[in-house]
Amino acid sequence: MVKLDRQSVSRKTIIPWYDSEAVYLVLIILLFFVFIFGYIGLTLTRETSVYQSHSWIPILLMAASGAIILSITIRLIRRYIARRFP
């Protein structure tokens, strides 16, 4: 019986579906809409004097979505560089 070589060079690493480029691009697009929603909320809270004390909510929403977009973009750039220049 022949043993399987587990250290084969020709084997590709299996990337889970949630770690693929397509999922990341969809996530960036959705988070961009969340960022725009937060921006609209921020402009409305600044225009309405009653809601000015609640302007931290859209700012937090914009900061969180912006940070996640930046994180995903950096991950995609690193993956592209690692694949392009081995």
Protein backbone atom coordinates (compact mmCIF):
# COMPACT_ATOMS: atom_id res chain seq x y z
CA MET A 1 0.00 0.00 0.00
CA VAL A 2 1.35 3.44 -0.95
CA LYS A 3 1.33 6.16 1.68
CA LEU A 4 0.05 9.58 0.76
CA ASP A 5 2.60 12.35 0.83
CA ARG A 6 1.12 15.03 3.08
CA GLN A 7 3.91 17.52 2.30
CA SER A 8 3.26 17.64 -1.44
CA VAL A 9 4.37 20.84 -3.14
CA SER A 10 1.55 20.77 -5.68
CA ARG A 11 -1.15 20.98 -3.03
CA LYS A 12 -2.96 24.29 -2.83
CA THR A 13 -4.12 25.64 0.47
CA ILE A 14 -7.88 25.52 0.83
CA ILE A 15 -9.32 28.95 1.50
CA PRO A 16 -12.71 28.95 3.25
CA TRP A 17 -15.56 30.71 1.44
CA TYR A 18 -15.67 33.54 3.98
CA ASP A 19 -11.99 34.32 3.33
CA SER A 20 -12.31 34.77 -0.43
CA GLU A 21 -11.81 37.93 -2.47
CA ALA A 22 -15.42 37.96 -3.66
CA VAL A 23 -16.81 37.97 -0.12
CA TYR A 24 -14.40 40.73 0.87
CA LEU A 25 -15.39 42.89 -2.09
CA VAL A 26 -19.11 42.46 -1.30
CA LEU A 27 -18.35 43.30 2.33
CA ILE A 28 -16.47 46.46 1.32
CA ILE A 29 -19.42 47.58 -0.82
CA LEU A 30 -21.93 46.94 1.98
CA LEU A 31 -19.75 48.72 4.55
CA PHE A 32 -19.41 51.67 2.18
CA PHE A 33 -23.20 52.01 2.28
CA VAL A 34 -23.08 51.82 6.09
CA PHE A 35 -20.47 54.59 6.05
CA ILE A 36 -22.69 56.75 3.82
CA PHE A 37 -25.65 56.03 6.13
CA GLY A 38 -23.58 57.22 9.09
CA TYR A 39 -22.55 60.36 7.20
CA ILE A 40 -26.17 61.17 6.40
CA GLY A 41 -27.06 60.61 10.05
CA LEU A 42 -24.24 62.91 11.12
CA THR A 43 -25.41 65.72 8.85
CA LEU A 44 -28.97 65.33 10.13
CA THR A 45 -27.90 65.39 13.79
CA ARG A 46 -25.90 68.55 13.21
CA GLU A 47 -28.85 70.27 11.50
CA THR A 48 -31.40 69.33 14.18
CA SER A 49 -30.67 70.92 17.55
CA VAL A 50 -32.63 68.28 19.47
CA TYR A 51 -30.41 65.45 18.23
CA GLN A 52 -27.00 67.16 18.46
CA SER A 53 -26.20 65.31 21.68
CA HIS A 54 -26.62 62.01 19.81
CA SER A 55 -24.09 62.76 17.08
CA TRP A 56 -21.69 60.21 18.60
CA ILE A 57 -23.77 57.36 17.18
CA PRO A 58 -23.23 58.15 13.48
CA ILE A 59 -19.59 59.03 14.21
CA LEU A 60 -19.12 55.62 15.83
CA LEU A 61 -20.86 53.95 12.90
CA MET A 62 -18.63 55.75 10.41
CA ALA A 63 -15.47 54.98 12.37
CA ALA A 64 -16.29 51.30 12.74
CA SER A 65 -17.19 50.78 9.09
CA GLY A 66 -14.18 52.82 7.95
CA ALA A 67 -11.82 50.79 10.13
CA ILE A 68 -13.21 47.51 8.82
CA ILE A 69 -12.98 48.72 5.21
CA LEU A 70 -9.36 49.73 5.81
CA SER A 71 -8.56 46.38 7.44
CA ILE A 72 -10.09 44.38 4.60
CA THR A 73 -8.34 46.52 1.98
CA ILE A 74 -4.96 45.98 3.65
CA ARG A 75 -5.63 42.23 3.81
CA LEU A 76 -6.52 42.13 0.10
CA ILE A 77 -3.42 44.14 -0.85
CA ARG A 78 -1.16 41.84 1.18
CA ARG A 79 -2.76 38.79 -0.40
CA TYR A 80 -2.32 40.26 -3.89
CA ILE A 81 1.34 41.08 -3.25
CA ALA A 82 2.03 37.62 -1.81
CA ARG A 83 0.45 35.97 -4.83
CA ARG A 84 2.00 38.31 -7.41
CA PHE A 85 5.55 38.34 -6.00
CA PRO A 86 6.28 34.98 -4.35
